[in-house]
Each structure stands twice: as C-alpha cells, then as structure tokens.
Amino acid sequence: MKNNFMKSLTAVLIGGLSAYMRVLFLPLVVLISVMIVDYMSGMLKAWGRGELSSRVGLRGIVKKISCLMLVCVAGVVDWLLSSGLKQVGIALDFGFCFGLIVVIWLIINELISILENLDALEVPMPRFLVSIVKHLRTAVEVRGESEEKNGQ
C-alpha cells in the first residue's frame, strides 16, 4: 500500500510539474540524463587515472545539484519578470526564457564534459563533434547576452 502511494504521489508531482513548466520539462529531463552520463564518465576517468575516491564522487554530485539550483534561480527570474510585467498590463506568450537558455547552456556544458572525459579515456571520436558542441555553447551564450540587452 505504501509503495502504491509513493508511485501515485510521484506521478502526480511529475504531472503537475510538467503541466506547470510545459516548455522546460523535457529539457530538464535531458539535462538530468546528460548529468548522469557525465557523472559516470567522470568517475570512469577518475578510476582510469587512479584518482577515484568518495571525495571525487561527492564533489561531482554537489556540482550537479548546484547546476539544478541554477536552473531554479533562472526559473524564478522568469516568473518574477512575467508576474511583474502582468502587473503593469504586459502579457508574455512565453514562460521560461531565461530558464530554458540556462538549461540548454548546461546541457551543452555537460556534453562538452562527457566528450572531454571520453577523450581522457582515449575513446576514439570525431573531432568535428567536439567543435560543433563548443560552437553551440558560444551560440547559446550570444543568445543569452542578446536577451539580457533586450531586457534592459
């Protein structure tokens, strides 16, 4: 019975969050997925170098949680801007501009980290892939800076 309650509660929470965040839900799932892959590849890299320890693992987990906190801050900024603009009669058609940009930027950073970890493990990879992912990060940063200038 307790197990069914937890499953139901989890389903309701995820459903509620996805309805509330609409646009941000899927990118968050992707972010968490690449965070897990990055964590595993980082641990493999540390193991390969003989540097694996609980301290290294804990530091990685703290970093991932901190990144998720950054997404929360960006979401709150989006909410504050939207709520503030509604109070003065300006309605926006989007809900998570800064939150989405931050999530995409973090996904790209995680991808770069995964590629660096794989490179350290001497996994053969096409160099163009590293170049494209780094170019994507630059494009997102430029977009974020233009959003910042438009908001001022």
C-alpha atoms as a PDB file:
ATOM      1  CA  MET A   1       0.000   0.000   0.000  1.00  0.00           C
ATOM      2  CA  LYS A   2       2.790   2.414   0.897  1.00  0.00           C
ATOM      3  CA  ASN A   3       4.536   1.591  -2.403  1.00  0.00           C
ATOM      4  CA  ASN A   4       1.376   2.426  -4.405  1.00  0.00           C
ATOM      5  CA  PHE A   5       1.000   5.712  -2.546  1.00  0.00           C
ATOM      6  CA  MET A   6       4.591   6.708  -3.353  1.00  0.00           C
ATOM      7  CA  LYS A   7       4.119   5.800  -7.028  1.00  0.00           C
ATOM      8  CA  SER A   8       0.893   7.808  -7.165  1.00  0.00           C
ATOM      9  CA  LEU A   9       2.464  10.769  -5.398  1.00  0.00           C
ATOM     10  CA  THR A  10       5.454  10.704  -7.760  1.00  0.00           C
ATOM     11  CA  ALA A  11       3.175  10.552 -10.813  1.00  0.00           C
ATOM     12  CA  VAL A  12       1.084  13.470  -9.543  1.00  0.00           C
ATOM     13  CA  LEU A  13       4.169  15.566  -8.775  1.00  0.00           C
ATOM     14  CA  ILE A  14       5.765  14.900 -12.164  1.00  0.00           C
ATOM     15  CA  GLY A  15       2.465  15.537 -13.942  1.00  0.00           C
ATOM     16  CA  GLY A  16       1.918  18.771 -12.045  1.00  0.00           C
ATOM     17  CA  LEU A  17       5.437  19.992 -12.706  1.00  0.00           C
ATOM     18  CA  SER A  18       5.227  19.143 -16.389  1.00  0.00           C
ATOM     19  CA  ALA A  19       1.894  20.972 -16.727  1.00  0.00           C
ATOM     20  CA  TYR A  20       3.276  23.980 -14.876  1.00  0.00           C
ATOM     21  CA  MET A  21       6.603  24.107 -16.686  1.00  0.00           C
ATOM     22  CA  ARG A  22       5.379  22.943 -20.122  1.00  0.00           C
ATOM     23  CA  VAL A  23       8.390  24.039 -22.165  1.00  0.00           C
ATOM     24  CA  LEU A  24      11.032  23.387 -19.529  1.00  0.00           C
ATOM     25  CA  PHE A  25      10.124  19.820 -18.567  1.00  0.00           C
ATOM     26  CA  LEU A  26      11.660  17.906 -21.479  1.00  0.00           C
ATOM     27  CA  PRO A  27      14.910  19.937 -21.493  1.00  0.00           C
ATOM     28  CA  LEU A  28      15.199  19.264 -17.744  1.00  0.00           C
ATOM     29  CA  VAL A  29      14.833  15.534 -18.348  1.00  0.00           C
ATOM     30  CA  VAL A  30      17.565  15.753 -20.987  1.00  0.00           C
ATOM     31  CA  LEU A  31      19.758  17.785 -18.615  1.00  0.00           C
ATOM     32  CA  ILE A  32      19.406  15.252 -15.809  1.00  0.00           C
ATOM     33  CA  SER A  33      20.134  12.429 -18.255  1.00  0.00           C
ATOM     34  CA  VAL A  34      23.347  14.020 -19.554  1.00  0.00           C
ATOM     35  CA  MET A  35      24.334  14.875 -15.974  1.00  0.00           C
ATOM     36  CA  ILE A  36      24.114  11.182 -15.089  1.00  0.00           C
ATOM     37  CA  VAL A  37      26.169  10.214 -18.151  1.00  0.00           C
ATOM     38  CA  ASP A  38      28.727  12.934 -17.363  1.00  0.00           C
ATOM     39  CA  TYR A  39      28.972  11.761 -13.757  1.00  0.00           C
ATOM     40  CA  MET A  40      29.545   8.174 -14.877  1.00  0.00           C
ATOM     41  CA  SER A  41      32.127   9.180 -17.497  1.00  0.00           C
ATOM     42  CA  GLY A  42      33.876  11.391 -14.941  1.00  0.00           C
ATOM     43  CA  MET A  43      34.035   8.544 -12.461  1.00  0.00           C
ATOM     44  CA  LEU A  44      35.428   6.252 -15.170  1.00  0.00           C
ATOM     45  CA  LYS A  45      38.052   8.867 -15.984  1.00  0.00           C
ATOM     46  CA  ALA A  46      38.995   9.181 -12.304  1.00  0.00           C
ATOM     47  CA  TRP A  47      39.157   5.388 -11.992  1.00  0.00           C
ATOM     48  CA  GLY A  48      41.361   5.156 -15.095  1.00  0.00           C
ATOM     49  CA  ARG A  49      43.760   7.709 -13.614  1.00  0.00           C
ATOM     50  CA  GLY A  50      43.744   6.072 -10.197  1.00  0.00           C
ATOM     51  CA  GLU A  51      42.116   9.164  -8.657  1.00  0.00           C
ATOM     52  CA  LEU A  52      38.770   7.617  -7.762  1.00  0.00           C
ATOM     53  CA  SER A  53      37.612   8.413  -4.235  1.00  0.00           C
ATOM     54  CA  SER A  54      34.404   9.151  -2.404  1.00  0.00           C
ATOM     55  CA  ARG A  55      35.508  12.788  -2.213  1.00  0.00           C
ATOM     56  CA  VAL A  56      35.717  12.987  -6.014  1.00  0.00           C
ATOM     57  CA  GLY A  57      32.280  11.399  -6.336  1.00  0.00           C
ATOM     58  CA  LEU A  58      30.720  13.667  -3.722  1.00  0.00           C
ATOM     59  CA  ARG A  59      32.197  16.747  -5.390  1.00  0.00           C
ATOM     60  CA  GLY A  60      30.606  15.691  -8.681  1.00  0.00           C
ATOM     61  CA  ILE A  61      27.215  15.210  -7.060  1.00  0.00           C
ATOM     62  CA  VAL A  62      27.417  18.596  -5.323  1.00  0.00           C
ATOM     63  CA  LYS A  63      28.278  20.222  -8.648  1.00  0.00           C
ATOM     64  CA  LYS A  64      25.289  18.604 -10.376  1.00  0.00           C
ATOM     65  CA  ILE A  65      22.913  19.681  -7.587  1.00  0.00           C
ATOM     66  CA  SER A  66      24.321  23.212  -7.797  1.00  0.00           C
ATOM     67  CA  CYS A  67      23.589  23.280 -11.529  1.00  0.00           C
ATOM     68  CA  LEU A  68      19.985  22.297 -10.844  1.00  0.00           C
ATOM     69  CA  MET A  69      19.804  25.117  -8.288  1.00  0.00           C
ATOM     70  CA  LEU A  70      20.974  27.482 -11.042  1.00  0.00           C
ATOM     71  CA  VAL A  71      18.053  26.328 -13.195  1.00  0.00           C
ATOM     72  CA  CYS A  72      15.707  27.063 -10.287  1.00  0.00           C
ATOM     73  CA  VAL A  73      17.116  30.578  -9.963  1.00  0.00           C
ATOM     74  CA  ALA A  74      16.628  31.188 -13.699  1.00  0.00           C
ATOM     75  CA  GLY A  75      13.053  29.871 -13.441  1.00  0.00           C
ATOM     76  CA  VAL A  76      12.331  32.235 -10.550  1.00  0.00           C
ATOM     77  CA  VAL A  77      13.754  35.153 -12.559  1.00  0.00           C
ATOM     78  CA  ASP A  78      11.422  34.215 -15.439  1.00  0.00           C
ATOM     79  CA  TRP A  79       8.480  34.034 -13.048  1.00  0.00           C
ATOM     80  CA  LEU A  80       9.339  37.381 -11.439  1.00  0.00           C
ATOM     81  CA  LEU A  81       9.626  39.112 -14.808  1.00  0.00           C
ATOM     82  CA  SER A  82       6.400  37.576 -16.078  1.00  0.00           C
ATOM     83  CA  SER A  83       4.488  38.432 -12.896  1.00  0.00           C
ATOM     84  CA  GLY A  84       5.886  41.943 -12.768  1.00  0.00           C
ATOM     85  CA  LEU A  85       5.034  42.630 -16.385  1.00  0.00           C
ATOM     86  CA  LYS A  86       1.495  41.291 -15.902  1.00  0.00           C
ATOM     87  CA  GLN A  87       1.012  43.773 -13.071  1.00  0.00           C
ATOM     88  CA  VAL A  88       1.679  46.648 -15.468  1.00  0.00           C
ATOM     89  CA  GLY A  89      -0.533  45.183 -18.193  1.00  0.00           C
ATOM     90  CA  ILE A  90       2.054  43.451 -20.384  1.00  0.00           C
ATOM     91  CA  ALA A  91       1.358  39.798 -21.113  1.00  0.00           C
ATOM     92  CA  LEU A  92       4.096  37.490 -22.404  1.00  0.00           C
ATOM     93  CA  ASP A  93       3.477  34.463 -24.598  1.00  0.00           C
ATOM     94  CA  PHE A  94       6.421  32.522 -23.170  1.00  0.00           C
ATOM     95  CA  GLY A  95       7.077  31.359 -19.676  1.00  0.00           C
ATOM     96  CA  PHE A  96      10.663  30.239 -19.310  1.00  0.00           C
ATOM     97  CA  CYS A  97      13.017  32.266 -21.463  1.00  0.00           C
ATOM     98  CA  PHE A  98      15.986  32.506 -19.074  1.00  0.00           C
ATOM     99  CA  GLY A  99      15.306  29.105 -17.572  1.00  0.00           C
ATOM    100  CA  LEU A 100      15.355  27.480 -20.997  1.00  0.00           C
ATOM    101  CA  ILE A 101      18.549  29.261 -22.027  1.00  0.00           C
ATOM    102  CA  VAL A 102      20.259  28.176 -18.793  1.00  0.00           C
ATOM    103  CA  VAL A 103      19.107  24.560 -19.217  1.00  0.00           C
ATOM    104  CA  ILE A 104      20.325  24.440 -22.818  1.00  0.00           C
ATOM    105  CA  TRP A 105      23.658  26.018 -21.819  1.00  0.00           C
ATOM    106  CA  LEU A 106      24.079  23.450 -19.035  1.00  0.00           C
ATOM    107  CA  ILE A 107      23.226  20.570 -21.389  1.00  0.00           C
ATOM    108  CA  ILE A 108      25.882  21.755 -23.813  1.00  0.00           C
ATOM    109  CA  ASN A 109      28.444  22.088 -20.993  1.00  0.00           C
ATOM    110  CA  GLU A 110      27.641  18.556 -19.844  1.00  0.00           C
ATOM    111  CA  LEU A 111      28.098  17.290 -23.414  1.00  0.00           C
ATOM    112  CA  ILE A 112      31.479  19.006 -23.623  1.00  0.00           C
ATOM    113  CA  SER A 113      32.467  17.446 -20.308  1.00  0.00           C
ATOM    114  CA  ILE A 114      31.373  13.994 -21.498  1.00  0.00           C
ATOM    115  CA  LEU A 115      33.445  14.386 -24.661  1.00  0.00           C
ATOM    116  CA  GLU A 116      36.470  15.528 -22.615  1.00  0.00           C
ATOM    117  CA  ASN A 117      36.080  12.559 -20.265  1.00  0.00           C
ATOM    118  CA  LEU A 118      35.836  10.154 -23.186  1.00  0.00           C
ATOM    119  CA  ASP A 119      38.890  11.751 -24.760  1.00  0.00           C
ATOM    120  CA  ALA A 120      40.813  11.256 -21.499  1.00  0.00           C
ATOM    121  CA  LEU A 121      39.773   7.589 -21.627  1.00  0.00           C
ATOM    122  CA  GLU A 122      41.235   7.504 -25.154  1.00  0.00           C
ATOM    123  CA  VAL A 123      37.892   6.707 -26.764  1.00  0.00           C
ATOM    124  CA  PRO A 124      38.188   7.467 -30.484  1.00  0.00           C
ATOM    125  CA  MET A 125      35.805  10.223 -31.521  1.00  0.00           C
ATOM    126  CA  PRO A 126      35.334  12.527 -34.469  1.00  0.00           C
ATOM    127  CA  ARG A 127      36.906  15.917 -33.703  1.00  0.00           C
ATOM    128  CA  PHE A 128      34.129  17.726 -35.568  1.00  0.00           C
ATOM    129  CA  LEU A 129      31.729  16.637 -32.815  1.00  0.00           C
ATOM    130  CA  VAL A 130      33.740  18.490 -30.162  1.00  0.00           C
ATOM    131  CA  SER A 131      33.920  21.539 -32.412  1.00  0.00           C
ATOM    132  CA  ILE A 132      30.167  21.567 -33.077  1.00  0.00           C
ATOM    133  CA  VAL A 133      29.256  21.244 -29.400  1.00  0.00           C
ATOM    134  CA  LYS A 134      31.627  24.074 -28.436  1.00  0.00           C
ATOM    135  CA  HIS A 135      30.145  26.213 -31.231  1.00  0.00           C
ATOM    136  CA  LEU A 136      26.667  25.533 -29.841  1.00  0.00           C
ATOM    137  CA  ARG A 137      27.776  26.776 -26.415  1.00  0.00           C
ATOM    138  CA  THR A 138      29.035  30.010 -27.946  1.00  0.00           C
ATOM    139  CA  ALA A 139      25.751  30.460 -29.843  1.00  0.00           C
ATOM    140  CA  VAL A 140      23.701  29.986 -26.661  1.00  0.00           C
ATOM    141  CA  GLU A 141      25.905  32.447 -24.750  1.00  0.00           C
ATOM    142  CA  VAL A 142      25.470  35.037 -27.517  1.00  0.00           C
ATOM    143  CA  ARG A 143      21.682  34.475 -27.465  1.00  0.00           C
ATOM    144  CA  GLY A 144      21.635  34.869 -23.689  1.00  0.00           C
ATOM    145  CA  GLU A 145      23.589  38.114 -23.889  1.00  0.00           C
ATOM    146  CA  SER A 146      21.191  39.487 -26.518  1.00  0.00           C
ATOM    147  CA  GLU A 147      18.226  38.560 -24.266  1.00  0.00           C
ATOM    148  CA  GLU A 148      19.932  40.395 -21.421  1.00  0.00           C
ATOM    149  CA  LYS A 149      20.396  43.519 -23.544  1.00  0.00           C
ATOM    150  CA  ASN A 150      16.776  43.399 -24.761  1.00  0.00           C
ATOM    151  CA  GLY A 151      15.559  43.137 -21.167  1.00  0.00           C
ATOM    152  CA  GLN A 152      17.390  46.279 -20.042  1.00  0.00           C
END
